[in-house]
Protein backbone atom coordinates (compact mmCIF):
# COMPACT_ATOMS: atom_id res chain seq x y z
CA UNK A 1 -10.99 -4.97 -16.88
CA UNK A 2 -11.42 -7.16 -13.80
CA UNK A 3 -8.45 -8.09 -11.36
CA UNK A 4 -8.35 -11.60 -9.59
CA UNK A 5 -10.30 -11.71 -6.54
CA UNK A 6 -8.70 -11.29 -3.25
CA UNK A 7 -8.63 -9.96 0.08
CA UNK A 8 -7.66 -6.60 -0.89
CA UNK A 9 -8.70 -6.48 -4.55
CA UNK A 10 -12.41 -6.87 -4.59
CA UNK A 11 -13.75 -4.81 -7.44
CA UNK A 12 -12.77 -3.37 -10.80
CA UNK A 13 -9.90 -1.15 -10.40
CA UNK A 14 -10.90 1.13 -13.21
CA UNK A 15 -13.85 2.60 -11.79
CA UNK A 16 -11.92 3.45 -8.64
CA UNK A 17 -9.08 5.22 -10.34
CA UNK A 18 -10.92 8.49 -11.62
CA UNK A 19 -8.19 10.98 -10.92
CA UNK A 20 -6.01 11.97 -14.07
CA UNK A 21 -2.82 10.68 -12.30
CA UNK A 22 -4.28 7.22 -11.94
CA UNK A 23 -5.87 7.01 -15.37
CA UNK A 24 -2.54 7.82 -16.74
CA UNK A 25 -0.93 5.27 -14.59
CA UNK A 26 -3.39 2.68 -15.23
CA UNK A 27 -2.97 3.34 -18.95
CA UNK A 28 0.80 2.60 -18.47
CA UNK A 29 0.13 -0.61 -16.74
CA UNK A 30 -2.19 -1.72 -19.57
CA UNK A 31 0.13 -1.16 -22.23
CA UNK A 32 2.61 -3.35 -20.65
CA UNK A 33 0.64 -5.86 -19.21
CA UNK A 34 0.49 -8.43 -21.88
CA UNK A 35 4.36 -7.92 -22.56
CA UNK A 36 6.75 -10.29 -20.70
CA UNK A 37 8.77 -7.69 -18.94
CA UNK A 38 9.75 -6.82 -15.56
CA UNK A 39 7.62 -4.25 -14.06
CA UNK A 40 8.66 -2.05 -10.93
CA UNK A 41 5.97 -0.16 -9.18
CA UNK A 42 7.36 2.34 -6.60
CA UNK A 43 5.40 4.34 -4.09
CA UNK A 44 4.47 5.06 -0.41
CA UNK A 45 3.25 1.99 1.66
CA UNK A 46 -0.19 1.56 1.20
CA UNK A 47 -0.77 3.11 -1.95
CA UNK A 48 -2.12 0.16 -4.19
CA UNK A 49 1.01 -1.27 -5.85
CA UNK A 50 -0.01 -4.86 -5.08
CA UNK A 51 -3.30 -3.99 -6.54
CA UNK A 52 -1.83 -2.77 -9.53
CA UNK A 53 0.55 -5.89 -9.84
CA UNK A 54 -2.80 -8.05 -9.82
CA UNK A 55 -4.20 -5.93 -12.44
CA UNK A 56 -0.97 -6.34 -14.53
CA UNK A 57 -1.20 -10.10 -14.12
CA UNK A 58 -4.87 -10.44 -14.73
CA UNK A 59 -4.37 -8.63 -18.19
CA UNK A 60 -1.63 -10.55 -19.24
CA UNK A 61 -0.97 -13.80 -21.30
CA UNK A 62 -0.25 -15.47 -17.96
CA UNK A 63 -3.52 -14.54 -16.49
CA UNK A 64 -4.59 -18.49 -16.10
CA UNK A 65 -1.25 -19.05 -14.21
CA UNK A 66 -0.68 -18.19 -10.58
CA UNK A 67 0.06 -15.00 -9.04
CA UNK A 68 2.63 -15.51 -6.22
CA UNK A 69 2.97 -12.59 -3.59
CA UNK A 70 6.24 -12.47 -1.54
CA UNK A 71 6.77 -9.70 1.05
CA UNK A 72 10.67 -9.35 1.29
CA UNK A 73 10.16 -7.47 4.53
CA UNK A 74 8.29 -10.27 6.24
CA UNK A 75 10.49 -13.23 5.86
CA UNK A 76 13.66 -13.76 8.25
CA UNK A 77 16.73 -13.57 6.37
CA UNK A 78 17.91 -17.13 7.62
CA UNK A 79 14.82 -18.42 5.79
CA UNK A 80 14.78 -16.34 2.66
CA UNK A 81 16.56 -18.53 0.31
CA UNK A 82 14.24 -21.58 1.09
CA UNK A 83 11.16 -19.66 0.92
CA UNK A 84 12.21 -18.16 -2.61
CA UNK A 85 13.74 -21.22 -3.90
CA UNK A 86 12.51 -24.08 -1.72
CA UNK A 87 14.55 -26.81 0.29
CA UNK A 88 15.39 -30.49 0.19
CA UNK A 89 14.69 -32.58 2.97
CA UNK A 90 17.51 -32.60 5.68
CA UNK A 91 18.67 -29.05 4.32
CA UNK A 92 18.84 -27.67 7.82
CA UNK A 93 17.28 -28.40 10.96
CA UNK A 94 13.42 -28.85 10.84
CA UNK A 95 13.47 -29.56 6.95
CA UNK A 96 11.78 -32.91 7.39
CA UNK A 97 10.38 -32.75 4.01
CA UNK A 98 10.97 -31.59 0.49
CA UNK A 99 9.39 -28.21 -0.01
CA UNK A 100 8.99 -25.95 -3.19
CA UNK A 101 9.64 -22.28 -2.79
CA UNK A 102 7.84 -19.27 -4.34
CA UNK A 103 9.70 -19.27 -7.57
CA UNK A 104 8.64 -22.87 -8.39
CA UNK A 105 4.84 -22.08 -7.15
CA UNK A 106 4.73 -19.15 -9.62
CA UNK A 107 5.84 -21.06 -12.63
CA UNK A 108 3.53 -20.36 -15.52
CA UNK A 109 2.46 -17.29 -13.96
CA UNK A 110 3.63 -14.03 -12.14
CA UNK A 111 5.79 -13.73 -8.89
CA UNK A 112 5.33 -10.26 -7.35
CA UNK A 113 8.20 -9.47 -4.88
CA UNK A 114 7.04 -6.67 -2.75
CA UNK A 115 9.27 -4.42 -0.43
CA UNK A 116 12.26 -5.42 -2.96
CA UNK A 117 14.73 -3.14 -1.23
CA UNK A 118 14.75 -5.23 1.80
CA UNK A 119 15.84 -8.49 0.00
CA UNK A 120 18.97 -9.63 1.90
CA UNK A 121 22.15 -8.57 0.03
CA UNK A 122 23.70 -12.23 0.09
CA UNK A 123 20.56 -13.27 -1.64
CA UNK A 124 20.64 -10.78 -4.61
CA UNK A 125 23.25 -12.35 -6.61
CA UNK A 126 20.99 -15.53 -6.61
CA UNK A 127 17.90 -13.61 -7.83
CA UNK A 128 19.80 -11.86 -10.43
CA UNK A 129 21.37 -15.49 -11.79
CA UNK A 130 17.70 -16.70 -11.73
CA UNK A 131 16.59 -13.97 -13.64
CA UNK A 132 19.13 -14.22 -16.31
CA UNK A 133 19.01 -18.18 -16.64
CA UNK A 134 15.70 -19.03 -15.20
CA UNK A 135 17.32 -21.94 -13.35
CA UNK A 136 17.93 -22.41 -9.55
CA UNK A 137 18.56 -24.96 -7.04
CA UNK A 138 16.63 -25.67 -3.81
CA UNK A 139 18.62 -25.07 -0.77
CA UNK A 140 20.34 -28.41 0.20
CA UNK A 141 20.00 -29.75 -3.39
CA UNK A 142 22.36 -29.86 -6.44
CA UNK A 143 19.88 -30.56 -9.24
CA UNK A 144 19.32 -27.59 -11.42
CA UNK A 145 15.50 -26.76 -11.93
CA UNK A 146 13.69 -24.25 -14.19
CA UNK A 147 10.98 -22.11 -13.65
CA UNK A 148 9.02 -19.72 -16.25
CA UNK A 149 7.65 -16.71 -14.19
CA UNK A 150 7.28 -13.06 -15.07
CA UNK A 151 8.74 -10.87 -12.43
CA UNK A 152 6.75 -7.74 -10.79
CA UNK A 153 8.30 -6.09 -8.16
CA UNK A 154 7.38 -3.14 -5.66
CA UNK A 155 9.19 -0.90 -3.18
CA UNK A 156 8.29 1.76 -0.79
CA UNK A 157 12.07 2.82 -1.05
CA UNK A 158 14.26 4.38 -3.64
CA UNK A 159 16.19 1.52 -4.98
CA UNK A 160 18.58 4.14 -6.56
CA UNK A 161 19.14 5.57 -3.13
CA UNK A 162 19.74 1.98 -1.95
CA UNK A 163 22.40 1.26 -4.51
CA UNK A 164 24.07 4.52 -3.65
CA UNK A 165 24.12 3.25 0.13
CA UNK A 166 25.75 -0.17 -0.90
CA UNK A 167 22.39 -2.00 0.15
CA UNK A 168 21.40 -3.04 -3.18
CA UNK A 169 23.46 -4.34 -5.98
CA UNK A 170 23.47 -2.23 -9.21
CA UNK A 171 23.55 -5.15 -11.72
CA UNK A 172 20.14 -6.34 -9.96
CA UNK A 173 18.84 -2.75 -10.13
CA UNK A 174 19.30 -2.40 -13.84
CA UNK A 175 17.95 -5.77 -14.19
CA UNK A 176 14.62 -5.15 -12.28
CA UNK A 177 14.36 -1.39 -13.72
CA UNK A 178 13.05 -2.42 -17.07
CA UNK A 179 9.63 -0.80 -16.73
CA UNK A 180 9.57 1.78 -13.63
CA UNK A 181 6.06 3.08 -12.69
CA UNK A 182 5.43 5.45 -9.62
CA UNK A 183 2.14 5.15 -7.69
CA UNK A 184 1.09 8.59 -6.43
CA UNK A 185 0.10 8.92 -2.72
CA UNK A 186 -3.51 9.22 -1.97
CA UNK A 187 -3.18 12.79 -0.73
CA UNK A 188 -2.09 13.62 -4.39
CA UNK A 189 -5.19 12.09 -5.97
CA UNK A 190 -8.27 13.23 -3.79
CA UNK A 191 -10.59 12.43 -6.89
CA UNK A 192 -10.12 8.69 -6.16
CA UNK A 193 -11.10 8.90 -2.48
CA UNK A 194 -14.84 8.94 -2.76
CA UNK A 195 -15.07 6.12 -5.19
CA UNK A 196 -12.72 4.25 -2.89
CA UNK A 197 -15.03 5.08 0.25
CA UNK A 198 -18.08 3.73 -1.70
CA UNK A 199 -16.36 0.61 -2.75
CA UNK A 200 -15.03 -0.24 0.67
CA UNK A 201 -18.28 0.26 2.60
CA UNK A 202 -20.21 -1.84 0.02
CA UNK A 203 -17.19 -4.68 0.31
CA UNK A 204 -17.25 -4.57 4.06
CA UNK A 205 -21.09 -4.69 4.36
CA UNK A 206 -21.02 -7.74 2.26
CA UNK A 207 -18.02 -9.45 3.91
CA UNK A 208 -19.40 -8.97 7.48
CA UNK A 209 -23.10 -9.07 6.72
CA UNK A 210 -23.84 -5.81 7.90
CA UNK A 211 -25.93 -2.62 6.75
CA UNK A 212 -23.16 0.01 5.70
CA UNK A 213 -23.06 3.14 7.70
CA UNK A 214 -24.42 6.15 5.65
CA UNK A 215 -21.63 9.13 5.81
CA UNK A 216 -22.52 12.73 6.46
CA UNK A 217 -21.29 15.13 3.78
CA UNK A 218 -19.08 16.70 6.62
CA UNK A 219 -17.86 13.38 7.24
CA UNK A 220 -17.06 12.47 3.57
CA UNK A 221 -15.35 16.05 3.26
CA UNK A 222 -13.29 15.27 6.31
CA UNK A 223 -11.98 11.84 4.77
CA UNK A 224 -11.28 13.55 1.50
CA UNK A 225 -9.39 16.41 2.92
CA UNK A 226 -7.31 14.00 5.18
CA UNK A 227 -3.58 13.48 4.48
CA UNK A 228 -3.68 9.67 4.67
CA UNK A 229 -0.04 8.80 5.46
CA UNK A 230 -1.01 5.17 5.10
CA UNK A 231 -2.89 6.03 1.98
CA UNK A 232 -5.39 3.63 0.65
CA UNK A 233 -4.67 0.95 3.25
CA UNK A 234 -5.29 3.32 6.01
CA UNK A 235 -8.47 4.53 4.53
CA UNK A 236 -9.75 0.99 4.21
CA UNK A 237 -8.93 0.05 7.87
CA UNK A 238 -10.93 3.49 8.75
CA UNK A 239 -13.94 2.21 6.89
CA UNK A 240 -13.86 -1.06 7.96
CA UNK A 241 -14.00 0.19 11.52
CA UNK A 242 -16.92 2.54 10.73
CA UNK A 243 -18.78 -0.44 9.12
CA UNK A 244 -18.27 -2.47 12.18
CA UNK A 245 -19.05 0.07 14.95
CA UNK A 246 -21.81 2.00 13.23
CA UNK A 247 -23.93 -0.53 11.45
CA UNK A 248 -26.65 1.16 9.42
CA UNK A 249 -26.26 4.41 11.11
CA UNK A 250 -25.97 7.90 9.76
CA UNK A 251 -22.58 9.42 10.80
CA UNK A 252 -21.17 12.58 11.30
CA UNK A 253 -17.36 13.33 11.44
CA UNK A 254 -17.61 12.86 15.25
CA UNK A 255 -17.75 9.10 14.56
CA UNK A 256 -14.00 8.94 13.62
CA UNK A 257 -11.74 7.60 16.41
CA UNK A 258 -9.46 9.90 17.92
CA UNK A 259 -6.30 9.14 15.56
CA UNK A 260 -8.20 9.46 12.65
CA UNK A 261 -9.95 12.67 13.60
CA UNK A 262 -6.67 13.92 13.97
CA UNK A 263 -5.40 12.70 11.01
CA UNK A 264 -8.36 14.73 8.98
CA UNK A 265 -7.40 17.92 10.61
CA UNK A 266 -3.99 18.30 9.36
CA UNK A 267 -2.86 22.29 9.30
CA UNK A 268 -0.16 23.57 7.04
CA UNK A 269 1.81 26.32 8.69
CA UNK A 270 4.19 28.54 6.82
CA UNK A 271 7.82 28.42 8.25
CA UNK A 272 8.28 32.20 8.70
CA UNK A 273 5.52 32.53 11.50
CA UNK A 274 6.67 33.09 15.07
CA UNK A 275 5.69 30.62 17.76
CA UNK A 276 2.51 32.87 18.97
CA UNK A 277 1.44 33.31 15.46
CA UNK A 278 1.62 29.37 14.81
CA UNK A 279 -0.29 28.86 18.25
CA UNK A 280 -2.87 31.39 17.02
CA UNK A 281 -3.28 29.85 13.68
CA UNK A 282 -3.76 26.32 15.72
CA UNK A 283 -6.47 27.56 18.06
CA UNK A 284 -8.39 29.49 15.22
CA UNK A 285 -8.36 26.17 13.19
CA UNK A 286 -9.60 24.05 16.36
CA UNK A 287 -12.43 26.85 16.88
CA UNK A 288 -13.55 26.76 13.42
CA UNK A 289 -13.77 22.80 13.49
CA UNK A 290 -15.97 23.03 16.88
CA UNK A 291 -18.10 25.99 15.35
CA UNK A 292 -16.71 28.36 17.63
CA UNK A 293 -17.46 26.44 20.81
CA UNK A 294 -14.73 27.46 23.15
CA UNK A 295 -15.32 24.72 25.96
CA UNK A 296 -14.95 21.78 23.29
CA UNK A 297 -12.05 23.80 21.51
CA UNK A 298 -10.27 24.50 25.06
CA UNK A 299 -10.71 20.34 26.00
CA UNK A 300 -8.99 19.38 22.62
CA UNK A 301 -6.37 21.99 22.92
CA UNK A 302 -5.75 21.04 26.71
CA UNK A 303 -6.19 24.63 27.81
CA UNK A 304 -9.00 26.32 29.80
CA UNK A 305 -11.78 28.51 28.12
CA UNK A 306 -10.48 31.41 30.13
CA UNK A 307 -7.17 30.98 28.55
CA UNK A 308 -8.65 31.13 24.94
CA UNK A 309 -10.74 34.29 25.93
CA UNK A 310 -7.37 35.98 27.00
CA UNK A 311 -5.84 35.27 23.81
CA UNK A 312 -8.98 37.04 22.21
CA UNK A 313 -10.35 33.95 20.78
């Protein structure tokens, strides 16, 4: 099963999803891909919700039609209606020509609304009306138009919580929650990290015309242990950095930029420790990562080597 080519989705998704959690999720996606129902992907930013949406489209009856993504968080509220439904000439200042919106562009294919929780409250009834009737009017127009689209949505926020907070309409919520699938964060599916590392290195080597760096076992282990708050997107960006900055080299974990190095050294501490005990745990972790070298460890901690010695470290 191959998803359509794009900047982010560059390889088959199936070989990358080797964790049990993602295999189960992909099985669910495949089960509904060829059914013309609304699908909602929930999950943290960067987990791959759009990749799964594209995979769903590529394995649907609409695969020959367009896949039109819309980032609801990136469009100014004043322009949102015209972006979604289009505009007639003269509809507002600067509208010098008729323009079709994303809904029209997606006709015959799939409309993907990312970050749906950010959809302006005033526009939500219009989207609901379109989903119920498949008819709409361009901004500044009176003619009713129709569009045959399948809707796939994604959100990094809980829509249920947004409904309770009064920021999302309950009727629209129930309309888009036909099939709801949660994408787990990368830290909960570490088996996927190594296949992603290899796929991204090969991709960036090809795109940039360079020889991919060779990652040491220690660096790979550090990347696998990382928490990745930005999930797959963050991992992707780190690997592009390594590919461009260390073309063809063999890399140890020292090659990670400072922020990335900090990210792979997350230390979980029990909440019942005293402050002194927490400090000792942190010092021990940094010393271990520096193979017991007090000079390097003290520099990272911002203290003198003598201070470490006084603490019995």
